[in-house]
Amino acid sequence: MSTALKDTQVSVRLPNELKDKMEAYAQLTGRTKSYVAMEALASYFEWRMPQIEDLKAAVQAADEGDFAKDDAVAAVFARHGHGKARPAAAKPSARRRAK
């Protein structure tokens, strides 16, 4: 019995603009559209799955009453390429409030 992994063909519908970008990128890089799609999906999942896993763990912890400290929140933001957490939104100036 063969233990080699086999590729699976998947068909997706794309908006024309996205299809055009994929074709242009494939042509610029000398890659096939299949390769471009495969690399894009692999990159997306590598980036997005840890975020979803962290979110699910955070929701579970919150459900259990365990809330993150500021340094833990900053570490999650740093791990996902966001640098520091965004500062709180600035309050409108007195001039803008008067309108």
PDB file of N, CA and C in Angstrom:
ATOM      1  N   MET A   1       0.836  -1.167   0.000  1.00  0.00           N
ATOM      2  CA  MET A   1       0.000   0.000   0.000  1.00  0.00           C
ATOM      3  C   MET A   1       0.891   1.244   0.000  1.00  0.00           C
ATOM      4  N   SER A   2       0.574   2.204  -0.835  1.00  0.00           N
ATOM      5  CA  SER A   2       1.360   3.426  -0.954  1.00  0.00           C
ATOM      6  C   SER A   2       1.041   4.368   0.202  1.00  0.00           C
ATOM      7  N   THR A   3       2.093   4.978   0.766  1.00  0.00           N
ATOM      8  CA  THR A   3       1.890   5.941   1.849  1.00  0.00           C
ATOM      9  C   THR A   3       2.075   7.368   1.357  1.00  0.00           C
ATOM     10  N   ALA A   4       2.279   7.544   0.052  1.00  0.00           N
ATOM     11  CA  ALA A   4       2.478   8.883  -0.501  1.00  0.00           C
ATOM     12  C   ALA A   4       1.178   9.681  -0.408  1.00  0.00           C
ATOM     13  N   LEU A   5       1.324  10.951  -0.052  1.00  0.00           N
ATOM     14  CA  LEU A   5       0.159  11.824   0.008  1.00  0.00           C
ATOM     15  C   LEU A   5      -0.230  12.237  -1.401  1.00  0.00           C
ATOM     16  N   LYS A   6      -1.510  12.321  -1.643  1.00  0.00           N
ATOM     17  CA  LYS A   6      -1.994  12.738  -2.951  1.00  0.00           C
ATOM     18  C   LYS A   6      -2.624  14.112  -2.833  1.00  0.00           C
ATOM     19  N   ASP A   7      -2.430  14.918  -3.864  1.00  0.00           N
ATOM     20  CA  ASP A   7      -3.071  16.225  -3.909  1.00  0.00           C
ATOM     21  C   ASP A   7      -4.546  16.042  -4.227  1.00  0.00           C
ATOM     22  N   THR A   8      -5.339  16.965  -3.740  1.00  0.00           N
ATOM     23  CA  THR A   8      -6.767  16.951  -3.997  1.00  0.00           C
ATOM     24  C   THR A   8      -7.130  18.185  -4.799  1.00  0.00           C
ATOM     25  N   GLN A   9      -7.960  18.022  -5.776  1.00  0.00           N
ATOM     26  CA  GLN A   9      -8.411  19.148  -6.581  1.00  0.00           C
ATOM     27  C   GLN A   9      -9.618  19.781  -5.915  1.00  0.00           C
ATOM     28  N   VAL A  10      -9.620  21.114  -5.843  1.00  0.00           N
ATOM     29  CA  VAL A  10     -10.716  21.867  -5.253  1.00  0.00           C
ATOM     30  C   VAL A  10     -11.119  22.947  -6.253  1.00  0.00           C
ATOM     31  N   SER A  11     -12.398  23.164  -6.376  1.00  0.00           N
ATOM     32  CA  SER A  11     -12.901  24.193  -7.276  1.00  0.00           C
ATOM     33  C   SER A  11     -13.556  25.284  -6.443  1.00  0.00           C
ATOM     34  N   VAL A  12     -13.220  26.537  -6.731  1.00  0.00           N
ATOM     35  CA  VAL A  12     -13.818  27.664  -6.006  1.00  0.00           C
ATOM     36  C   VAL A  12     -14.293  28.718  -6.998  1.00  0.00           C
ATOM     37  N   ARG A  13     -15.288  29.462  -6.594  1.00  0.00           N
ATOM     38  CA  ARG A  13     -15.753  30.597  -7.396  1.00  0.00           C
ATOM     39  C   ARG A  13     -15.075  31.845  -6.851  1.00  0.00           C
ATOM     40  N   LEU A  14     -14.524  32.641  -7.767  1.00  0.00           N
ATOM     41  CA  LEU A  14     -13.838  33.867  -7.382  1.00  0.00           C
ATOM     42  C   LEU A  14     -14.478  35.059  -8.075  1.00  0.00           C
ATOM     43  N   PRO A  15     -14.518  36.195  -7.405  1.00  0.00           N
ATOM     44  CA  PRO A  15     -14.925  37.413  -8.104  1.00  0.00           C
ATOM     45  C   PRO A  15     -13.915  37.678  -9.233  1.00  0.00           C
ATOM     46  N   ASN A  16     -14.369  38.272 -10.321  1.00  0.00           N
ATOM     47  CA  ASN A  16     -13.488  38.521 -11.463  1.00  0.00           C
ATOM     48  C   ASN A  16     -12.233  39.292 -11.075  1.00  0.00           C
ATOM     49  N   GLU A  17     -12.381  40.282 -10.193  1.00  0.00           N
ATOM     50  CA  GLU A  17     -11.231  41.091  -9.792  1.00  0.00           C
ATOM     51  C   GLU A  17     -10.163  40.236  -9.105  1.00  0.00           C
ATOM     52  N   LEU A  18     -10.576  39.336  -8.245  1.00  0.00           N
ATOM     53  CA  LEU A  18      -9.629  38.470  -7.553  1.00  0.00           C
ATOM     54  C   LEU A  18      -8.984  37.485  -8.523  1.00  0.00           C
ATOM     55  N   LYS A  19      -9.770  36.947  -9.441  1.00  0.00           N
ATOM     56  CA  LYS A  19      -9.237  36.036 -10.462  1.00  0.00           C
ATOM     57  C   LYS A  19      -8.191  36.752 -11.316  1.00  0.00           C
ATOM     58  N   ASP A  20      -8.489  37.999 -11.704  1.00  0.00           N
ATOM     59  CA  ASP A  20      -7.549  38.774 -12.515  1.00  0.00           C
ATOM     60  C   ASP A  20      -6.244  39.023 -11.762  1.00  0.00           C
ATOM     61  N   LYS A  21      -6.357  39.332 -10.472  1.00  0.00           N
ATOM     62  CA  LYS A  21      -5.153  39.554  -9.663  1.00  0.00           C
ATOM     63  C   LYS A  21      -4.331  38.277  -9.549  1.00  0.00           C
ATOM     64  N   MET A  22      -5.008  37.151  -9.349  1.00  0.00           N
ATOM     65  CA  MET A  22      -4.303  35.878  -9.241  1.00  0.00           C
ATOM     66  C   MET A  22      -3.578  35.560 -10.545  1.00  0.00           C
ATOM     67  N   GLU A  23      -4.252  35.763 -11.665  1.00  0.00           N
ATOM     68  CA  GLU A  23      -3.626  35.497 -12.963  1.00  0.00           C
ATOM     69  C   GLU A  23      -2.439  36.423 -13.203  1.00  0.00           C
ATOM     70  N   ALA A  24      -2.581  37.700 -12.865  1.00  0.00           N
ATOM     71  CA  ALA A  24      -1.484  38.652 -13.045  1.00  0.00           C
ATOM     72  C   ALA A  24      -0.296  38.270 -12.169  1.00  0.00           C
ATOM     73  N   TYR A  25      -0.570  37.892 -10.922  1.00  0.00           N
ATOM     74  CA  TYR A  25       0.505  37.492 -10.013  1.00  0.00           C
ATOM     75  C   TYR A  25       1.201  36.236 -10.519  1.00  0.00           C
ATOM     76  N   ALA A  26       0.422  35.286 -10.987  1.00  0.00           N
ATOM     77  CA  ALA A  26       0.997  34.046 -11.516  1.00  0.00           C
ATOM     78  C   ALA A  26       1.905  34.344 -12.704  1.00  0.00           C
ATOM     79  N   GLN A  27       1.452  35.224 -13.575  1.00  0.00           N
ATOM     80  CA  GLN A  27       2.259  35.573 -14.747  1.00  0.00           C
ATOM     81  C   GLN A  27       3.533  36.309 -14.332  1.00  0.00           C
ATOM     82  N   LEU A  28       3.424  37.247 -13.400  1.00  0.00           N
ATOM     83  CA  LEU A  28       4.594  38.002 -12.941  1.00  0.00           C
ATOM     84  C   LEU A  28       5.645  37.109 -12.298  1.00  0.00           C
ATOM     85  N   THR A  29       5.195  36.101 -11.583  1.00  0.00           N
ATOM     86  CA  THR A  29       6.126  35.246 -10.841  1.00  0.00           C
ATOM     87  C   THR A  29       6.507  33.978 -11.588  1.00  0.00           C
ATOM     88  N   GLY A  30       5.846  33.730 -12.719  1.00  0.00           N
ATOM     89  CA  GLY A  30       6.142  32.514 -13.469  1.00  0.00           C
ATOM     90  C   GLY A  30       5.610  31.254 -12.803  1.00  0.00           C
ATOM     91  N   ARG A  31       4.614  31.403 -11.981  1.00  0.00           N
ATOM     92  CA  ARG A  31       4.002  30.269 -11.278  1.00  0.00           C
ATOM     93  C   ARG A  31       2.648  29.950 -11.897  1.00  0.00           C
ATOM     94  N   THR A  32       2.135  28.785 -11.600  1.00  0.00           N
ATOM     95  CA  THR A  32       0.793  28.437 -12.058  1.00  0.00           C
ATOM     96  C   THR A  32      -0.239  29.065 -11.126  1.00  0.00           C
ATOM     97  N   LYS A  33      -1.464  29.198 -11.617  1.00  0.00           N
ATOM     98  CA  LYS A  33      -2.547  29.712 -10.772  1.00  0.00           C
ATOM     99  C   LYS A  33      -2.787  28.770  -9.595  1.00  0.00           C
ATOM    100  N   SER A  34      -2.640  27.483  -9.828  1.00  0.00           N
ATOM    101  CA  SER A  34      -2.813  26.517  -8.735  1.00  0.00           C
ATOM    102  C   SER A  34      -1.784  26.748  -7.641  1.00  0.00           C
ATOM    103  N   TYR A  35      -0.541  26.987  -8.039  1.00  0.00           N
ATOM    104  CA  TYR A  35       0.520  27.224  -7.064  1.00  0.00           C
ATOM    105  C   TYR A  35       0.228  28.503  -6.275  1.00  0.00           C
ATOM    106  N   VAL A  36      -0.177  29.567  -6.984  1.00  0.00           N
ATOM    107  CA  VAL A  36      -0.476  30.837  -6.316  1.00  0.00           C
ATOM    108  C   VAL A  36      -1.606  30.651  -5.305  1.00  0.00           C
ATOM    109  N   ALA A  37      -2.664  29.957  -5.704  1.00  0.00           N
ATOM    110  CA  ALA A  37      -3.791  29.725  -4.797  1.00  0.00           C
ATOM    111  C   ALA A  37      -3.358  28.892  -3.596  1.00  0.00           C
ATOM    112  N   MET A  38      -2.564  27.850  -3.845  1.00  0.00           N
ATOM    113  CA  MET A  38      -2.103  26.985  -2.763  1.00  0.00           C
ATOM    114  C   MET A  38      -1.248  27.772  -1.766  1.00  0.00           C
ATOM    115  N   GLU A  39      -0.324  28.578  -2.269  1.00  0.00           N
ATOM    116  CA  GLU A  39       0.534  29.372  -1.388  1.00  0.00           C
ATOM    117  C   GLU A  39      -0.267  30.419  -0.623  1.00  0.00           C
ATOM    118  N   ALA A  40      -1.231  31.041  -1.286  1.00  0.00           N
ATOM    119  CA  ALA A  40      -2.056  32.052  -0.619  1.00  0.00           C
ATOM    120  C   ALA A  40      -2.863  31.428   0.517  1.00  0.00           C
ATOM    121  N   LEU A  41      -3.460  30.272   0.259  1.00  0.00           N
ATOM    122  CA  LEU A  41      -4.233  29.597   1.303  1.00  0.00           C
ATOM    123  C   LEU A  41      -3.344  29.139   2.453  1.00  0.00           C
ATOM    124  N   ALA A  42      -2.181  28.585   2.126  1.00  0.00           N
ATOM    125  CA  ALA A  42      -1.266  28.130   3.178  1.00  0.00           C
ATOM    126  C   ALA A  42      -0.845  29.303   4.058  1.00  0.00           C
ATOM    127  N   SER A  43      -0.523  30.430   3.428  1.00  0.00           N
ATOM    128  CA  SER A  43      -0.109  31.616   4.177  1.00  0.00           C
ATOM    129  C   SER A  43      -1.252  32.141   5.046  1.00  0.00           C
ATOM    130  N   TYR A  44      -2.449  32.177   4.486  1.00  0.00           N
ATOM    131  CA  TYR A  44      -3.610  32.657   5.228  1.00  0.00           C
ATOM    132  C   TYR A  44      -3.878  31.795   6.458  1.00  0.00           C
ATOM    133  N   PHE A  45      -3.876  30.477   6.268  1.00  0.00           N
ATOM    134  CA  PHE A  45      -4.157  29.590   7.396  1.00  0.00           C
ATOM    135  C   PHE A  45      -3.058  29.657   8.450  1.00  0.00           C
ATOM    136  N   GLU A  46      -1.814  29.803   8.027  1.00  0.00           N
ATOM    137  CA  GLU A  46      -0.705  29.931   8.982  1.00  0.00           C
ATOM    138  C   GLU A  46      -0.874  31.182   9.830  1.00  0.00           C
ATOM    139  N   TRP A  47      -1.393  32.246   9.227  1.00  0.00           N
ATOM    140  CA  TRP A  47      -1.605  33.513   9.924  1.00  0.00           C
ATOM    141  C   TRP A  47      -2.887  33.481  10.756  1.00  0.00           C
ATOM    142  N   ARG A  48      -3.972  32.945  10.193  1.00  0.00           N
ATOM    143  CA  ARG A  48      -5.284  33.074  10.807  1.00  0.00           C
ATOM    144  C   ARG A  48      -5.602  32.023  11.871  1.00  0.00           C
ATOM    145  N   MET A  49      -5.161  30.803  11.693  1.00  0.00           N
ATOM    146  CA  MET A  49      -5.527  29.740  12.637  1.00  0.00           C
ATOM    147  C   MET A  49      -5.057  30.015  14.061  1.00  0.00           C
ATOM    148  N   PRO A  50      -3.823  30.491  14.277  1.00  0.00           N
ATOM    149  CA  PRO A  50      -3.439  30.813  15.659  1.00  0.00           C
ATOM    150  C   PRO A  50      -4.320  31.901  16.274  1.00  0.00           C
ATOM    151  N   GLN A  51      -4.774  32.852  15.457  1.00  0.00           N
ATOM    152  CA  GLN A  51      -5.667  33.882  15.982  1.00  0.00           C
ATOM    153  C   GLN A  51      -6.981  33.268  16.456  1.00  0.00           C
ATOM    154  N   ILE A  52      -7.543  32.386  15.661  1.00  0.00           N
ATOM    155  CA  ILE A  52      -8.809  31.742  16.025  1.00  0.00           C
ATOM    156  C   ILE A  52      -8.626  30.872  17.270  1.00  0.00           C
ATOM    157  N   GLU A  53      -7.504  30.140  17.331  1.00  0.00           N
ATOM    158  CA  GLU A  53      -7.236  29.304  18.506  1.00  0.00           C
ATOM    159  C   GLU A  53      -7.115  30.161  19.759  1.00  0.00           C
ATOM    160  N   ASP A  54      -6.395  31.300  19.662  1.00  0.00           N
ATOM    161  CA  ASP A  54      -6.273  32.209  20.804  1.00  0.00           C
ATOM    162  C   ASP A  54      -7.634  32.773  21.203  1.00  0.00           C
ATOM    163  N   LEU A  55      -8.442  33.120  20.220  1.00  0.00           N
ATOM    164  CA  LEU A  55      -9.763  33.671  20.502  1.00  0.00           C
ATOM    165  C   LEU A  55     -10.639  32.653  21.223  1.00  0.00           C
ATOM    166  N   LYS A  56     -10.641  31.432  20.749  1.00  0.00           N
ATOM    167  CA  LYS A  56     -11.444  30.384  21.394  1.00  0.00           C
ATOM    168  C   LYS A  56     -10.970  30.140  22.828  1.00  0.00           C
ATOM    169  N   ALA A  57      -9.655  30.126  23.030  1.00  0.00           N
ATOM    170  CA  ALA A  57      -9.118  29.934  24.379  1.00  0.00           C
ATOM    171  C   ALA A  57      -9.499  31.110  25.277  1.00  0.00           C
ATOM    172  N   ALA A  58      -9.477  32.328  24.731  1.00  0.00           N
ATOM    173  CA  ALA A  58      -9.828  33.510  25.515  1.00  0.00           C
ATOM    174  C   ALA A  58     -11.304  33.497  25.897  1.00  0.00           C
ATOM    175  N   VAL A  59     -12.155  33.096  24.977  1.00  0.00           N
ATOM    176  CA  VAL A  59     -13.590  33.017  25.275  1.00  0.00           C
ATOM    177  C   VAL A  59     -13.844  31.977  26.362  1.00  0.00           C
ATOM    178  N   GLN A  60     -13.180  30.839  26.253  1.00  0.00           N
ATOM    179  CA  GLN A  60     -13.347  29.799  27.270  1.00  0.00           C
ATOM    180  C   GLN A  60     -12.871  30.308  28.629  1.00  0.00           C
ATOM    181  N   ALA A  61     -11.712  30.984  28.642  1.00  0.00           N
ATOM    182  CA  ALA A  61     -11.195  31.520  29.903  1.00  0.00           C
ATOM    183  C   ALA A  61     -12.154  32.561  30.478  1.00  0.00           C
ATOM    184  N   ALA A  62     -12.698  33.426  29.623  1.00  0.00           N
ATOM    185  CA  ALA A  62     -13.641  34.445  30.090  1.00  0.00           C
ATOM    186  C   ALA A  62     -14.904  33.794  30.638  1.00  0.00           C
ATOM    187  N   ASP A  63     -15.368  32.748  29.968  1.00  0.00           N
ATOM    188  CA  ASP A  63     -16.545  32.026  30.461  1.00  0.00           C
ATOM    189  C   ASP A  63     -16.297  31.451  31.852  1.00  0.00           C
ATOM    190  N   GLU A  64     -15.030  31.141  32.137  1.00  0.00           N
ATOM    191  CA  GLU A  64     -14.654  30.594  33.443  1.00  0.00           C
ATOM    192  C   GLU A  64     -14.295  31.695  34.438  1.00  0.00           C
ATOM    193  N   GLY A  65     -14.449  32.980  34.016  1.00  0.00           N
ATOM    194  CA  GLY A  65     -14.160  34.105  34.896  1.00  0.00           C
ATOM    195  C   GLY A  65     -12.698  34.480  34.962  1.00  0.00           C
ATOM    196  N   ASP A  66     -11.886  33.934  34.090  1.00  0.00           N
ATOM    197  CA  ASP A  66     -10.442  34.202  34.076  1.00  0.00           C
ATOM    198  C   ASP A  66     -10.153  35.219  32.983  1.00  0.00           C
ATOM    199  N   PHE A  67      -9.858  36.453  33.379  1.00  0.00           N
ATOM    200  CA  PHE A  67      -9.614  37.508  32.404  1.00  0.00           C
ATOM    201  C   PHE A  67      -8.125  37.831  32.323  1.00  0.00           C
ATOM    202  N   ALA A  68      -7.666  38.171  31.125  1.00  0.00           N
ATOM    203  CA  ALA A  68      -6.245  38.414  30.871  1.00  0.00           C
ATOM    204  C   ALA A  68      -5.780  39.718  31.503  1.00  0.00           C
ATOM    205  N   LYS A  69      -4.541  39.707  31.949  1.00  0.00           N
ATOM    206  CA  LYS A  69      -3.885  40.910  32.451  1.00  0.00           C
ATOM    207  C   LYS A  69      -3.372  41.701  31.250  1.00  0.00           C
ATOM    208  N   ASP A  70      -3.051  42.982  31.465  1.00  0.00           N
ATOM    209  CA  ASP A  70      -2.596  43.852  30.375  1.00  0.00           C
ATOM    210  C   ASP A  70      -1.390  43.292  29.635  1.00  0.00           C
ATOM    211  N   ASP A  71      -0.413  42.733  30.377  1.00  0.00           N
ATOM    212  CA  ASP A  71       0.790  42.216  29.715  1.00  0.00           C
ATOM    213  C   ASP A  71       0.478  40.997  28.849  1.00  0.00           C
ATOM    214  N   ALA A  72      -0.486  40.190  29.253  1.00  0.00           N
ATOM    215  CA  ALA A  72      -0.874  39.030  28.442  1.00  0.00           C
ATOM    216  C   ALA A  72      -1.568  39.483  27.163  1.00  0.00           C
ATOM    217  N   VAL A  73      -2.397  40.517  27.265  1.00  0.00           N
ATOM    218  CA  VAL A  73      -3.062  41.061  26.076  1.00  0.00           C
ATOM    219  C   VAL A  73      -2.025  41.633  25.119  1.00  0.00           C
ATOM    220  N   ALA A  74      -1.054  42.375  25.638  1.00  0.00           N
ATOM    221  CA  ALA A  74       0.001  42.945  24.795  1.00  0.00           C
ATOM    222  C   ALA A  74       0.802  41.850  24.103  1.00  0.00           C
ATOM    223  N   ALA A  75       1.043  40.743  24.788  1.00  0.00           N
ATOM    224  CA  ALA A  75       1.792  39.630  24.190  1.00  0.00           C
ATOM    225  C   ALA A  75       1.021  39.013  23.029  1.00  0.00           C
ATOM    226  N   VAL A  76      -0.291  38.890  23.171  1.00  0.00           N
ATOM    227  CA  VAL A  76      -1.102  38.338  22.077  1.00  0.00           C
ATOM    228  C   VAL A  76      -1.074  39.284  20.884  1.00  0.00           C
ATOM    229  N   PHE A  77      -1.211  40.587  21.135  1.00  0.00           N
ATOM    230  CA  PHE A  77      -1.145  41.551  20.035  1.00  0.00           C
ATOM    231  C   PHE A  77       0.213  41.483  19.344  1.00  0.00           C
ATOM    232  N   ALA A  78       1.285  41.390  20.109  1.00  0.00           N
ATOM    233  CA  ALA A  78       2.629  41.316  19.525  1.00  0.00           C
ATOM    234  C   ALA A  78       2.804  40.040  18.709  1.00  0.00           C
ATOM    235  N   ARG A  79       2.287  38.926  19.208  1.00  0.00           N
ATOM    236  CA  ARG A  79       2.424  37.647  18.513  1.00  0.00           C
ATOM    237  C   ARG A  79       1.717  37.669  17.162  1.00  0.00           C
ATOM    238  N   HIS A  80       0.657  38.441  17.051  1.00  0.00           N
ATOM    239  CA  HIS A  80      -0.103  38.486  15.805  1.00  0.00           C
ATOM    240  C   HIS A  80       0.256  39.694  14.951  1.00  0.00           C
ATOM    241  N   GLY A  81       1.408  40.301  15.219  1.00  0.00           N
ATOM    242  CA  GLY A  81       1.916  41.354  14.350  1.00  0.00           C
ATOM    243  C   GLY A  81       1.234  42.697  14.483  1.00  0.00           C
ATOM    244  N   HIS A  82       0.623  42.954  15.615  1.00  0.00           N
ATOM    245  CA  HIS A  82      -0.070  44.218  15.791  1.00  0.00           C
ATOM    246  C   HIS A  82       0.715  45.191  16.668  1.00  0.00           C
ATOM    247  N   GLY A  83       1.909  44.820  17.078  1.00  0.00           N
ATOM    248  CA  GLY A  83       2.675  45.712  17.939  1.00  0.00           C
ATOM    249  C   GLY A  83       1.942  45.923  19.242  1.00  0.00           C
ATOM    250  N   LYS A  84       1.680  47.159  19.561  1.00  0.00           N
ATOM    251  CA  LYS A  84       0.966  47.472  20.798  1.00  0.00           C
ATOM    252  C   LYS A  84      -0.531  47.518  20.538  1.00  0.00           C
ATOM    253  N   ALA A  85      -1.270  47.278  21.590  1.00  0.00           N
ATOM    254  CA  ALA A  85      -2.724  47.396  21.487  1.00  0.00           C
ATOM    255  C   ALA A  85      -3.067  48.836  21.141  1.00  0.00           C
ATOM    256  N   ARG A  86      -4.154  49.027  20.428  1.00  0.00           N
ATOM    257  CA  ARG A  86      -4.556  50.378  20.058  1.00  0.00           C
ATOM    258  C   ARG A  86      -4.932  51.163  21.298  1.00  0.00           C
ATOM    259  N   PRO A  87      -4.552  52.439  21.328  1.00  0.00           N
ATOM    260  CA  PRO A  87      -4.975  53.262  22.457  1.00  0.00           C
ATOM    261  C   PRO A  87      -6.480  53.490  22.385  1.00  0.00           C
ATOM    262  N   ALA A  88      -7.048  53.841  23.517  1.00  0.00           N
ATOM    263  CA  ALA A  88      -8.479  54.121  23.552  1.00  0.00           C
ATOM    264  C   ALA A  88      -8.787  55.269  22.607  1.00  0.00           C
ATOM    265  N   ALA A  89      -9.969  55.265  22.035  1.00  0.00           N
ATOM    266  CA  ALA A  89     -10.361  56.318  21.105  1.00  0.00           C
ATOM    267  C   ALA A  89     -10.338  57.659  21.820  1.00  0.00           C
ATOM    268  N   ALA A  90      -9.837  58.666  21.121  1.00  0.00           N
ATOM    269  CA  ALA A  90      -9.765  60.007  21.694  1.00  0.00           C
ATOM    270  C   ALA A  90     -11.172  60.567  21.846  1.00  0.00           C
ATOM    271  N   LYS A  91     -11.366  61.304  22.916  1.00  0.00           N
ATOM    272  CA  LYS A  91     -12.662  61.933  23.129  1.00  0.00           C
ATOM    273  C   LYS A  91     -12.775  63.128  22.190  1.00  0.00           C
ATOM    274  N   PRO A  92     -13.975  63.427  21.700  1.00  0.00           N
ATOM    275  CA  PRO A  92     -14.126  64.575  20.806  1.00  0.00           C
ATOM    276  C   PRO A  92     -13.786  65.857  21.537  1.00  0.00           C
ATOM    277  N   SER A  93     -13.234  66.804  20.800  1.00  0.00           N
ATOM    278  CA  SER A  93     -12.856  68.074  21.420  1.00  0.00           C
ATOM    279  C   SER A  93     -14.115  68.821  21.849  1.00  0.00           C
ATOM    280  N   ALA A  94     -13.929  69.794  22.740  1.00  0.00           N
ATOM    281  CA  ALA A  94     -15.058  70.581  23.233  1.00  0.00           C
ATOM    282  C   ALA A  94     -15.736  71.300  22.077  1.00  0.00           C
ATOM    283  N   ARG A  95     -14.951  71.738  21.109  1.00  0.00           N
ATOM    284  CA  ARG A  95     -15.492  72.450  19.958  1.00  0.00           C
ATOM    285  C   ARG A  95     -16.431  71.527  19.162  1.00  0.00           C
ATOM    286  N   ARG A  96     -16.032  70.286  18.947  1.00  0.00           N
ATOM    287  CA  ARG A  96     -16.849  69.344  18.181  1.00  0.00           C
ATOM    288  C   ARG A  96     -18.089  68.940  18.969  1.00  0.00           C
ATOM    289  N   ARG A  97     -17.970  68.853  20.301  1.00  0.00           N
ATOM    290  CA  ARG A  97     -19.127  68.478  21.118  1.00  0.00           C
ATOM    291  C   ARG A  97     -20.190  69.570  21.094  1.00  0.00           C
ATOM    292  N   ALA A  98     -19.751  70.825  20.945  1.00  0.00           N
ATOM    293  CA  ALA A  98     -20.678  71.948  20.994  1.00  0.00           C
ATOM    294  C   ALA A  98     -21.571  71.999  19.763  1.00  0.00           C
ATOM    295  N   LYS A  99     -21.167  71.381  18.677  1.00  0.00           N
ATOM    296  CA  LYS A  99     -21.952  71.444  17.436  1.00  0.00           C
ATOM    297  C   LYS A  99     -23.237  70.710  17.540  1.00  0.00           C
TER     298      LYS A  99
END
